[in-house]
Each structure stands twice: as C-alpha cells, then as structure tokens.
N, C-alpha and C. Protein backbone atom coordinates (compact mmCIF):
# COMPACT_ATOMS: atom_id res chain seq x y z
N MET A 1 4.21 4.16 13.81
CA MET A 1 5.01 4.71 12.73
C MET A 1 6.47 4.75 13.17
N ILE A 2 7.34 4.32 12.32
CA ILE A 2 8.77 4.29 12.63
C ILE A 2 9.36 5.62 12.20
N LYS A 3 9.95 6.32 13.16
CA LYS A 3 10.52 7.63 12.86
C LYS A 3 12.03 7.54 12.65
N ASN A 4 12.69 6.61 13.35
CA ASN A 4 14.13 6.49 13.22
C ASN A 4 14.49 5.03 12.97
N GLU A 5 14.78 4.73 11.72
CA GLU A 5 15.05 3.36 11.32
C GLU A 5 16.35 2.83 11.92
N LYS A 6 17.32 3.70 12.14
CA LYS A 6 18.60 3.26 12.70
C LYS A 6 18.42 2.75 14.12
N ILE A 7 17.59 3.43 14.91
CA ILE A 7 17.34 2.98 16.28
C ILE A 7 16.63 1.64 16.27
N LEU A 8 15.65 1.48 15.39
CA LEU A 8 14.93 0.21 15.28
C LEU A 8 15.86 -0.91 14.87
N LYS A 9 16.71 -0.66 13.89
CA LYS A 9 17.65 -1.67 13.43
C LYS A 9 18.60 -2.08 14.55
N LYS A 10 19.08 -1.11 15.31
CA LYS A 10 19.97 -1.40 16.43
C LYS A 10 19.25 -2.24 17.49
N PHE A 11 18.00 -1.88 17.77
CA PHE A 11 17.20 -2.63 18.73
C PHE A 11 17.02 -4.07 18.26
N GLU A 12 16.66 -4.26 17.00
CA GLU A 12 16.44 -5.60 16.46
C GLU A 12 17.72 -6.43 16.51
N ASP A 13 18.83 -5.83 16.17
CA ASP A 13 20.11 -6.55 16.19
C ASP A 13 20.46 -6.98 17.62
N ASN A 14 20.29 -6.08 18.57
CA ASN A 14 20.57 -6.41 19.97
C ASN A 14 19.63 -7.50 20.47
N PHE A 15 18.37 -7.41 20.08
CA PHE A 15 17.39 -8.40 20.51
C PHE A 15 17.74 -9.78 19.97
N LYS A 16 18.12 -9.84 18.71
CA LYS A 16 18.49 -11.12 18.11
C LYS A 16 19.72 -11.72 18.79
N ARG A 17 20.67 -10.89 19.15
CA ARG A 17 21.87 -11.37 19.82
C ARG A 17 21.56 -11.91 21.21
N GLN A 18 20.66 -11.26 21.92
CA GLN A 18 20.36 -11.65 23.29
C GLN A 18 19.38 -12.81 23.37
N GLU A 19 18.53 -12.95 22.37
CA GLU A 19 17.52 -14.01 22.38
C GLU A 19 18.16 -15.35 22.07
N LYS A 20 18.08 -16.25 23.01
CA LYS A 20 18.66 -17.57 22.82
C LYS A 20 17.55 -18.61 22.92
N MET A 21 17.04 -19.01 21.76
CA MET A 21 15.99 -20.02 21.70
C MET A 21 16.57 -21.29 21.10
N ASP A 22 16.25 -22.40 21.72
CA ASP A 22 16.69 -23.66 21.13
C ASP A 22 15.66 -24.11 20.10
N LEU A 23 16.02 -25.10 19.33
CA LEU A 23 15.17 -25.56 18.24
C LEU A 23 13.83 -26.09 18.74
N GLU A 24 13.83 -26.77 19.86
CA GLU A 24 12.58 -27.31 20.41
C GLU A 24 11.60 -26.21 20.77
N GLU A 25 12.11 -25.11 21.33
CA GLU A 25 11.24 -23.99 21.69
C GLU A 25 10.65 -23.34 20.44
N LYS A 26 11.45 -23.24 19.40
CA LYS A 26 10.96 -22.68 18.14
C LYS A 26 9.85 -23.55 17.56
N TYR A 27 10.02 -24.88 17.65
CA TYR A 27 8.99 -25.79 17.15
C TYR A 27 7.72 -25.71 18.00
N ARG A 28 7.86 -25.53 19.31
CA ARG A 28 6.68 -25.37 20.17
C ARG A 28 5.89 -24.13 19.78
N ILE A 29 6.60 -23.04 19.50
CA ILE A 29 5.93 -21.81 19.07
C ILE A 29 5.24 -22.03 17.73
N LEU A 30 5.92 -22.68 16.80
CA LEU A 30 5.34 -22.96 15.49
C LEU A 30 4.07 -23.81 15.63
N ASP A 31 4.13 -24.85 16.46
CA ASP A 31 2.96 -25.70 16.68
C ASP A 31 1.81 -24.92 17.29
N ALA A 32 2.11 -24.03 18.24
CA ALA A 32 1.06 -23.22 18.86
C ALA A 32 0.42 -22.28 17.84
N MET A 33 1.24 -21.70 16.96
CA MET A 33 0.70 -20.81 15.91
C MET A 33 -0.17 -21.60 14.94
N TYR A 34 0.26 -22.80 14.60
CA TYR A 34 -0.52 -23.67 13.70
C TYR A 34 -1.86 -24.03 14.33
N ASP A 35 -1.84 -24.41 15.61
CA ASP A 35 -3.08 -24.75 16.31
C ASP A 35 -4.01 -23.54 16.39
N GLU A 36 -3.45 -22.36 16.61
CA GLU A 36 -4.28 -21.15 16.68
C GLU A 36 -4.91 -20.84 15.33
N ALA A 37 -4.15 -21.01 14.25
CA ALA A 37 -4.68 -20.76 12.91
C ALA A 37 -5.83 -21.71 12.61
N ILE A 38 -5.71 -22.95 13.04
CA ILE A 38 -6.80 -23.91 12.84
C ILE A 38 -8.01 -23.52 13.68
N ALA A 39 -7.77 -23.10 14.94
CA ALA A 39 -8.87 -22.71 15.83
C ALA A 39 -9.59 -21.47 15.30
N LEU A 40 -8.87 -20.57 14.65
CA LEU A 40 -9.48 -19.37 14.09
C LEU A 40 -10.18 -19.64 12.76
N GLY A 41 -9.92 -20.80 12.19
CA GLY A 41 -10.57 -21.17 10.94
C GLY A 41 -9.91 -20.60 9.70
N VAL A 42 -8.69 -20.11 9.83
CA VAL A 42 -8.01 -19.54 8.66
C VAL A 42 -7.08 -20.54 7.99
N PHE A 43 -6.92 -21.70 8.60
CA PHE A 43 -6.06 -22.73 8.03
C PHE A 43 -6.68 -24.08 8.30
N PRO A 44 -6.72 -24.98 7.41
CA PRO A 44 -6.32 -24.89 6.01
C PRO A 44 -7.34 -24.11 5.20
N PRO A 45 -6.92 -23.52 4.10
CA PRO A 45 -7.85 -22.74 3.29
C PRO A 45 -8.96 -23.62 2.71
N GLU A 46 -10.12 -23.01 2.50
CA GLU A 46 -11.25 -23.76 1.95
C GLU A 46 -10.94 -24.26 0.54
N ASN A 47 -10.34 -23.39 -0.26
CA ASN A 47 -9.98 -23.76 -1.62
C ASN A 47 -8.48 -23.51 -1.80
N PRO A 48 -7.65 -24.53 -1.67
CA PRO A 48 -6.20 -24.32 -1.73
C PRO A 48 -5.71 -23.78 -3.08
N LEU A 49 -6.47 -23.97 -4.15
CA LEU A 49 -6.04 -23.50 -5.46
C LEU A 49 -6.53 -22.08 -5.77
N GLU A 50 -7.23 -21.47 -4.85
CA GLU A 50 -7.73 -20.12 -5.06
C GLU A 50 -6.55 -19.15 -5.20
N GLY A 51 -6.53 -18.39 -6.27
CA GLY A 51 -5.46 -17.42 -6.51
C GLY A 51 -4.20 -18.01 -7.10
N ILE A 52 -4.24 -19.28 -7.49
CA ILE A 52 -3.04 -19.92 -8.03
C ILE A 52 -2.60 -19.27 -9.33
N ASP A 53 -3.57 -18.78 -10.12
CA ASP A 53 -3.21 -18.15 -11.39
C ASP A 53 -2.38 -16.89 -11.17
N VAL A 54 -2.71 -16.12 -10.15
CA VAL A 54 -1.93 -14.92 -9.83
C VAL A 54 -0.54 -15.31 -9.36
N LYS A 55 -0.45 -16.35 -8.56
CA LYS A 55 0.85 -16.79 -8.06
C LYS A 55 1.74 -17.30 -9.20
N ILE A 56 1.14 -17.98 -10.16
CA ILE A 56 1.89 -18.48 -11.32
C ILE A 56 2.41 -17.31 -12.15
N LYS A 57 1.56 -16.31 -12.39
CA LYS A 57 2.00 -15.14 -13.15
C LYS A 57 3.12 -14.41 -12.43
N LEU A 58 2.99 -14.26 -11.13
CA LEU A 58 4.02 -13.60 -10.34
C LEU A 58 5.33 -14.37 -10.39
N ALA A 59 5.25 -15.68 -10.30
CA ALA A 59 6.46 -16.52 -10.36
C ALA A 59 7.13 -16.40 -11.72
N ARG A 60 6.34 -16.34 -12.77
CA ARG A 60 6.92 -16.19 -14.12
C ARG A 60 7.67 -14.86 -14.25
N VAL A 61 7.06 -13.80 -13.72
CA VAL A 61 7.70 -12.50 -13.80
C VAL A 61 8.99 -12.47 -13.00
N ILE A 62 8.93 -13.00 -11.78
CA ILE A 62 10.13 -13.01 -10.92
C ILE A 62 11.23 -13.85 -11.53
N ASN A 63 10.89 -15.00 -12.08
CA ASN A 63 11.89 -15.90 -12.64
C ASN A 63 12.44 -15.42 -13.98
N SER A 64 11.76 -14.48 -14.62
CA SER A 64 12.25 -13.98 -15.91
C SER A 64 13.33 -12.91 -15.74
N VAL A 65 13.46 -12.38 -14.54
CA VAL A 65 14.47 -11.35 -14.29
C VAL A 65 15.82 -12.03 -14.08
N PRO A 66 16.83 -11.60 -14.86
CA PRO A 66 18.15 -12.26 -14.73
C PRO A 66 18.85 -11.91 -13.42
C-alpha cells in the first residue's frame, strides 16, 4: 500500500534519471518477456477475437468524448 505518493513519485523520477538503458537492452527484455508469455501459455490467445465487442464499445465511448 502506498502511503506517501510524493515520496514514490520522487523515487520513480530519480530512478528514471539514473537508469540508462540502450535500445538493444530494451529489446532484449521485451524478447525475454515475449518468450516467457509463450512458455506460460498466455500468449498468443486461444481466441484472438474474444472480447472484441467490449473493446469496440469502449472505443466508441472514448472516441465520442470531445
């Protein structure tokens, strides 16, 4: 549970400033996460169109707001 949001925000900002990752390292992490998702059986989804109707309704609502 986060009790002091200001301290967390300061920590995150400092962490982002100090963390120096190059693009190749970011891609290596992404590839490792993708491989893990496949190994766990959560990706690719069995039915890629499952829940598409809810996503379409949500998109319509979001896009209708000026």
